[in-house]
């Protein structure tokens, strides 16, 4: 075909915050297709905190990325060559394509997407895995009721922003924890949250006491560490704590900080439960339909923080851990 693929492979297991030398930037010629295969030109790649965990050699819900293997990442692209009648040239698809410009697939696991429904990046945000995570994590694990106070950490990130908006759609109060004045203003003025707590300039425990005077009914945690501990002290009777992520702990070099205030679960007859979006794969279609309906009705907004150029990946990925992204962080593979 004469096409050249550029990709990032894992070169070393990171210690703490990943650095540029933990990946290798590799160039290769794209091979020809076998029967039933399709060649996908990758257009947009999702950058997610979970990717940091996939780089570790430790037991998790998926095997670690092997040394020398393409860095695992969810992405979407366009079919540019095909020997599979189910996926003709021009069709847009999403899947686990990795941190690279081209991906060859046998068709298994590909999800067709319709760019006439929404802009392509939306399928890596509200209509993609963040949307599925927020939808099932809040509605199935958190089980909110009208009038409940729902608190979410990392509230301007891909998952957190959607959690708060769904909470409002379901008749709840939404309180977001985020870093910086701009992010808190975005939660209040653009997304319709009822309150926002700036963890960079105010004490989170005091902020939760002020904004949640009757306690927290649902706490959706994306951060872990001190913020999780602060939320545990403010639980209402029968509260539900959803453990979705712990970005504050992904790059620590010592023992992971567990919840010190867990006895609040006993005192308040509360529950804490982890959730993985993959457990709901057979229900994604229903969730997408409902999320798309809310978007069409103007009840749900999708905001993406898009950075151009695959070569920027190592530094762009670290925006997640520096708290620099506003909205779902996405890499546009080919810069305009």
Protein backbone atom coordinates (compact mmCIF):
# COMPACT_ATOMS: atom_id res chain seq x y z
CA UNK A 1 0.00 0.00 0.00
CA UNK A 2 2.97 2.25 0.57
CA UNK A 3 1.48 3.72 3.76
CA UNK A 4 3.65 4.47 6.77
CA UNK A 5 2.36 4.02 10.31
CA UNK A 6 3.69 5.96 13.29
CA UNK A 7 2.97 4.55 16.71
CA UNK A 8 3.96 4.74 20.37
CA UNK A 9 4.99 1.47 22.01
CA UNK A 10 5.66 0.92 25.70
CA UNK A 11 9.41 1.02 26.28
CA UNK A 12 9.59 0.84 30.08
CA UNK A 13 7.37 0.49 33.15
CA UNK A 14 6.95 4.02 34.55
CA UNK A 15 7.85 4.90 38.10
CA UNK A 16 5.55 7.67 39.27
CA UNK A 17 4.55 10.14 36.59
CA UNK A 18 5.34 8.74 33.11
CA UNK A 19 8.16 10.37 31.16
CA UNK A 20 8.88 10.58 27.44
CA UNK A 21 11.40 7.71 27.52
CA UNK A 22 8.76 5.30 28.84
CA UNK A 23 7.50 5.14 25.25
CA UNK A 24 9.21 4.57 21.91
CA UNK A 25 8.03 6.38 18.78
CA UNK A 26 8.16 3.80 16.00
CA UNK A 27 7.74 3.99 12.23
CA UNK A 28 6.66 1.01 10.14
CA UNK A 29 5.24 0.20 6.71
CA UNK A 30 1.58 -0.83 6.74
CA UNK A 31 1.28 -4.44 5.55
CA UNK A 32 -1.27 -5.70 3.06
CA UNK A 33 -4.65 -6.96 4.20
CA UNK A 34 -5.63 -10.59 4.63
CA UNK A 35 -9.09 -11.87 3.78
CA UNK A 36 -11.70 -10.40 6.12
CA UNK A 37 -9.49 -7.59 7.37
CA UNK A 38 -9.95 -3.83 7.22
CA UNK A 39 -7.47 -1.00 7.43
CA UNK A 40 -8.54 1.88 9.65
CA UNK A 41 -6.99 5.32 9.54
CA UNK A 42 -7.13 6.50 13.14
CA UNK A 43 -8.56 10.00 13.42
CA UNK A 44 -9.10 10.65 17.13
CA UNK A 45 -7.70 8.90 20.21
CA UNK A 46 -9.14 9.04 23.72
CA UNK A 47 -6.69 9.90 26.50
CA UNK A 48 -7.86 8.45 29.81
CA UNK A 49 -6.39 8.18 33.31
CA UNK A 50 -6.87 4.40 33.19
CA UNK A 51 -4.09 4.22 30.60
CA UNK A 52 -1.58 4.90 33.39
CA UNK A 53 -2.71 1.75 35.19
CA UNK A 54 -2.42 -0.32 32.02
CA UNK A 55 1.31 0.49 31.95
CA UNK A 56 1.95 -1.25 35.28
CA UNK A 57 2.92 -4.89 35.64
CA UNK A 58 0.19 -5.65 38.14
CA UNK A 59 -3.09 -7.52 38.42
CA UNK A 60 -6.00 -5.52 37.07
CA UNK A 61 -9.24 -5.89 35.13
CA UNK A 62 -7.27 -6.11 31.86
CA UNK A 63 -3.76 -7.47 31.18
CA UNK A 64 -0.98 -4.86 31.29
CA UNK A 65 0.41 -3.44 28.06
CA UNK A 66 3.49 -5.52 27.27
CA UNK A 67 6.88 -3.95 26.74
CA UNK A 68 7.23 -3.32 23.01
CA UNK A 69 3.47 -3.40 22.47
CA UNK A 70 1.48 -0.50 21.03
CA UNK A 71 0.15 1.66 23.85
CA UNK A 72 -3.45 0.65 24.43
CA UNK A 73 -6.04 3.36 23.75
CA UNK A 74 -9.63 3.71 22.64
CA UNK A 75 -10.00 5.51 19.34
CA UNK A 76 -12.14 6.09 16.27
CA UNK A 77 -11.29 6.23 12.62
CA UNK A 78 -12.31 5.65 9.03
CA UNK A 79 -12.00 2.48 6.94
CA UNK A 80 -9.57 3.24 4.10
CA UNK A 81 -9.10 -0.29 2.71
CA UNK A 82 -11.24 -3.37 3.17
CA UNK A 83 -11.54 -7.05 2.35
CA UNK A 84 -14.50 -7.38 4.72
CA UNK A 85 -17.95 -6.68 3.23
CA UNK A 86 -19.32 -5.65 6.64
CA UNK A 87 -16.97 -2.67 6.77
CA UNK A 88 -16.69 -0.96 3.38
CA UNK A 89 -14.33 1.90 2.64
CA UNK A 90 -15.55 5.16 4.15
CA UNK A 91 -17.33 3.68 7.17
CA UNK A 92 -16.45 5.21 10.55
CA UNK A 93 -15.74 2.84 13.43
CA UNK A 94 -14.45 2.92 16.98
CA UNK A 95 -12.54 0.40 19.06
CA UNK A 96 -9.29 -0.27 20.90
CA UNK A 97 -6.94 0.83 18.11
CA UNK A 98 -3.98 1.96 20.21
CA UNK A 99 -1.72 4.97 20.00
CA UNK A 100 -1.02 4.83 16.27
CA UNK A 101 -2.05 6.23 12.90
CA UNK A 102 -3.30 3.01 11.29
CA UNK A 103 -4.89 -0.14 12.68
CA UNK A 104 -5.65 -3.46 10.94
CA UNK A 105 -8.71 -5.27 12.26
CA UNK A 106 -10.45 -8.54 11.50
CA UNK A 107 -13.73 -6.76 12.22
CA UNK A 108 -14.26 -8.18 15.70
CA UNK A 109 -15.02 -5.58 18.33
CA UNK A 110 -15.52 -2.74 15.87
CA UNK A 111 -18.39 -0.39 16.66
CA UNK A 112 -19.97 1.49 13.76
CA UNK A 113 -20.58 5.17 14.35
CA UNK A 114 -22.72 7.60 12.43
CA UNK A 115 -21.07 11.03 12.03
CA UNK A 116 -24.43 12.51 11.02
CA UNK A 117 -25.64 12.06 14.62
CA UNK A 118 -22.89 14.12 16.28
CA UNK A 119 -19.35 15.36 15.64
CA UNK A 120 -16.83 12.52 15.66
CA UNK A 121 -15.11 13.43 18.96
CA UNK A 122 -18.46 13.14 20.73
CA UNK A 123 -18.25 9.38 20.18
CA UNK A 124 -15.21 9.34 22.48
CA UNK A 125 -17.05 11.42 25.06
CA UNK A 126 -20.78 11.53 25.81
CA UNK A 127 -21.63 8.90 23.19
CA UNK A 128 -18.55 6.82 24.00
CA UNK A 129 -16.92 5.18 27.00
CA UNK A 130 -17.07 8.25 29.31
CA UNK A 131 -20.79 8.53 28.66
CA UNK A 132 -21.31 4.83 29.30
CA UNK A 133 -19.27 5.03 32.50
CA UNK A 134 -21.20 8.02 33.81
CA UNK A 135 -24.57 6.59 32.81
CA UNK A 136 -24.19 3.15 34.37
CA UNK A 137 -21.96 4.25 37.23
CA UNK A 138 -24.45 6.84 38.43
CA UNK A 139 -27.77 5.23 37.54
CA UNK A 140 -26.94 1.58 38.29
CA UNK A 141 -24.33 1.81 41.06
CA UNK A 142 -25.23 5.20 42.55
CA UNK A 143 -29.00 4.72 42.20
CA UNK A 144 -29.93 8.40 42.66
CA UNK A 145 -33.42 9.48 43.66
CA UNK A 146 -35.05 12.84 42.89
CA UNK A 147 -33.94 15.37 45.48
CA UNK A 148 -30.69 13.54 46.30
CA UNK A 149 -27.44 15.44 46.56
CA UNK A 150 -24.92 13.96 44.14
CA UNK A 151 -21.27 14.95 44.53
CA UNK A 152 -18.70 14.13 41.85
CA UNK A 153 -14.93 14.65 41.89
CA UNK A 154 -12.90 15.58 38.81
CA UNK A 155 -16.18 17.15 37.80
CA UNK A 156 -14.97 18.86 34.61
CA UNK A 157 -13.33 15.72 33.22
CA UNK A 158 -14.91 13.43 30.66
CA UNK A 159 -16.85 11.26 33.12
CA UNK A 160 -17.45 13.76 35.90
CA UNK A 161 -19.10 16.40 33.73
CA UNK A 162 -21.56 13.85 32.40
CA UNK A 163 -22.32 12.45 35.86
CA UNK A 164 -23.33 15.87 37.14
CA UNK A 165 -25.52 16.60 34.14
CA UNK A 166 -27.32 13.25 34.39
CA UNK A 167 -27.87 13.92 38.09
CA UNK A 168 -29.62 17.16 37.17
CA UNK A 169 -31.70 15.42 34.51
CA UNK A 170 -32.83 12.96 37.19
CA UNK A 171 -33.94 15.73 39.53
CA UNK A 172 -30.95 15.72 41.88
CA UNK A 173 -28.69 18.46 43.24
CA UNK A 174 -25.26 18.30 41.59
CA UNK A 175 -22.13 19.40 43.41
CA UNK A 176 -18.82 19.25 41.58
CA UNK A 177 -15.27 19.23 42.92
CA UNK A 178 -12.75 20.70 40.48
CA UNK A 179 -9.47 22.58 40.43
CA UNK A 180 -9.45 26.29 39.63
CA UNK A 181 -11.86 29.18 39.25
CA UNK A 182 -12.39 28.66 35.52
CA UNK A 183 -13.41 25.04 35.99
CA UNK A 184 -15.79 25.85 38.82
CA UNK A 185 -17.39 28.64 36.78
CA UNK A 186 -17.81 26.20 33.89
CA UNK A 187 -19.66 23.78 36.16
CA UNK A 188 -22.01 26.46 37.43
CA UNK A 189 -22.57 28.59 34.34
CA UNK A 190 -22.35 26.08 31.49
CA UNK A 191 -23.32 22.71 32.94
CA UNK A 192 -25.90 23.85 35.48
CA UNK A 193 -24.33 22.35 38.62
CA UNK A 194 -25.86 23.67 41.85
CA UNK A 195 -22.51 24.19 43.57
CA UNK A 196 -18.80 23.81 42.92
CA UNK A 197 -15.86 23.34 45.26
CA UNK A 198 -12.38 24.45 44.19
CA UNK A 199 -9.99 22.00 45.82
CA UNK A 200 -7.05 24.21 44.89
CA UNK A 201 -8.22 27.24 46.91
CA UNK A 202 -10.58 25.94 49.58
CA UNK A 203 -10.81 23.18 52.15
CA UNK A 204 -12.86 20.39 50.56
CA UNK A 205 -14.30 19.16 53.86
CA UNK A 206 -15.53 22.63 54.73
CA UNK A 207 -16.82 23.10 51.20
CA UNK A 208 -18.83 19.90 51.42
CA UNK A 209 -20.32 20.90 54.76
CA UNK A 210 -21.43 24.19 53.25
CA UNK A 211 -22.81 22.87 49.96
CA UNK A 212 -24.27 19.60 51.31
CA UNK A 213 -25.91 20.61 54.63
CA UNK A 214 -28.08 17.48 54.67
CA UNK A 215 -25.18 15.23 53.67
CA UNK A 216 -24.14 13.46 50.47
CA UNK A 217 -26.54 10.87 49.10
CA UNK A 218 -24.36 9.77 46.17
CA UNK A 219 -20.63 10.36 45.91
CA UNK A 220 -19.12 9.53 42.52
CA UNK A 221 -15.36 9.25 42.98
CA UNK A 222 -12.83 9.72 40.21
CA UNK A 223 -9.96 10.89 42.40
CA UNK A 224 -9.44 8.86 45.60
CA UNK A 225 -7.03 9.97 48.30
CA UNK A 226 -7.81 13.00 50.46
CA UNK A 227 -10.88 14.03 48.48
CA UNK A 228 -12.47 10.62 48.94
CA UNK A 229 -11.76 10.86 52.66
CA UNK A 230 -13.36 14.30 52.82
CA UNK A 231 -16.49 13.02 51.08
CA UNK A 232 -16.77 10.06 53.45
CA UNK A 233 -17.07 12.40 56.42
CA UNK A 234 -20.16 14.04 54.90
CA UNK A 235 -22.26 11.01 53.96
CA UNK A 236 -25.99 10.99 54.60
CA UNK A 237 -27.79 7.96 55.99
CA UNK A 238 -27.91 5.23 53.32
CA UNK A 239 -25.46 6.99 50.99
CA UNK A 240 -23.96 5.24 47.99
CA UNK A 241 -20.28 5.76 47.11
CA UNK A 242 -19.31 4.87 43.55
CA UNK A 243 -15.63 4.07 43.03
CA UNK A 244 -14.93 4.80 39.38
CA UNK A 245 -11.32 5.98 39.44
CA UNK A 246 -8.50 7.25 41.64
CA UNK A 247 -6.35 9.55 39.52
CA UNK A 248 -4.60 10.95 42.59
CA UNK A 249 -3.13 7.52 43.27
CA UNK A 250 -2.11 6.31 39.80
CA UNK A 251 1.37 7.83 39.87
CA UNK A 252 2.28 7.38 43.53
CA UNK A 253 5.54 5.52 44.14
CA UNK A 254 4.64 4.30 47.62
CA UNK A 255 1.59 2.45 48.97
CA UNK A 256 -1.77 3.55 47.62
CA UNK A 257 -3.67 5.74 50.08
CA UNK A 258 -6.80 3.93 51.10
CA UNK A 259 -9.86 5.50 52.72
CA UNK A 260 -9.10 6.46 56.33
CA UNK A 261 -12.69 7.49 57.08
CA UNK A 262 -14.30 4.25 56.01
CA UNK A 263 -16.10 3.85 59.35
CA UNK A 264 -18.50 6.48 58.06
CA UNK A 265 -19.92 3.68 55.92
CA UNK A 266 -20.84 1.82 59.10
CA UNK A 267 -22.18 4.81 60.99
CA UNK A 268 -24.32 5.96 58.05
CA UNK A 269 -25.32 2.48 56.83
CA UNK A 270 -23.76 3.48 53.54
CA UNK A 271 -22.28 1.39 50.74
CA UNK A 272 -19.13 1.74 48.64
CA UNK A 273 -18.95 -0.15 45.37
CA UNK A 274 -16.57 -0.21 42.44
CA UNK A 275 -17.85 -0.11 38.87
CA UNK A 276 -16.35 -1.06 35.53
CA UNK A 277 -18.11 0.07 32.39
CA UNK A 278 -17.25 -3.16 30.53
CA UNK A 279 -19.74 -5.03 32.72
CA UNK A 280 -22.56 -3.23 30.90
CA UNK A 281 -21.42 -3.83 27.31
CA UNK A 282 -24.65 -5.56 26.34
CA UNK A 283 -26.58 -2.41 27.27
CA UNK A 284 -24.43 0.25 25.56
CA UNK A 285 -26.91 0.70 22.70
CA UNK A 286 -29.71 1.63 25.08
CA UNK A 287 -27.48 4.08 26.94
CA UNK A 288 -26.32 5.73 23.71
CA UNK A 289 -29.91 6.16 22.59
CA UNK A 290 -30.91 7.87 25.83
CA UNK A 291 -27.77 10.02 26.01
CA UNK A 292 -28.23 11.11 22.38
CA UNK A 293 -31.84 12.00 23.15
CA UNK A 294 -30.79 14.20 26.05
CA UNK A 295 -28.21 15.90 23.83
CA UNK A 296 -30.80 16.53 21.10
CA UNK A 297 -33.12 18.04 23.71
CA UNK A 298 -30.39 20.38 24.93
CA UNK A 299 -30.23 18.74 28.36
CA UNK A 300 -26.72 17.30 28.03
CA UNK A 301 -23.57 19.01 26.75
CA UNK A 302 -20.43 17.38 25.37
CA UNK A 303 -17.16 19.27 25.63
CA UNK A 304 -13.86 17.98 24.29
CA UNK A 305 -10.34 19.28 24.91
CA UNK A 306 -8.64 18.36 21.62
CA UNK A 307 -4.89 18.48 21.05
CA UNK A 308 -3.52 17.96 17.54
CA UNK A 309 -0.69 15.69 16.43
CA UNK A 310 0.05 12.12 17.52
CA UNK A 311 3.65 13.10 18.20
CA UNK A 312 2.43 15.22 21.13
CA UNK A 313 1.07 12.18 22.97
CA UNK A 314 3.58 11.86 25.85
CA UNK A 315 3.16 15.45 26.99
CA UNK A 316 -0.54 15.70 26.13
CA UNK A 317 -1.29 12.59 28.20
CA UNK A 318 0.22 14.26 31.27
CA UNK A 319 -2.35 17.07 31.05
CA UNK A 320 -4.67 14.64 32.83
CA UNK A 321 -2.39 14.43 35.85
CA UNK A 322 -1.60 18.14 35.89
CA UNK A 323 -5.30 18.96 35.86
CA UNK A 324 -4.95 21.02 32.70
CA UNK A 325 -7.79 19.63 30.61
CA UNK A 326 -11.28 21.12 30.58
CA UNK A 327 -13.59 18.49 29.14
CA UNK A 328 -12.74 15.10 27.67
CA UNK A 329 -9.09 14.99 26.58
CA UNK A 330 -8.74 13.74 23.01
CA UNK A 331 -5.78 13.53 20.64
CA UNK A 332 -6.44 14.45 17.02
CA UNK A 333 -4.03 12.20 15.19
CA UNK A 334 -3.32 14.33 12.12
CA UNK A 335 -2.97 18.05 12.70
CA UNK A 336 -4.75 20.39 10.29
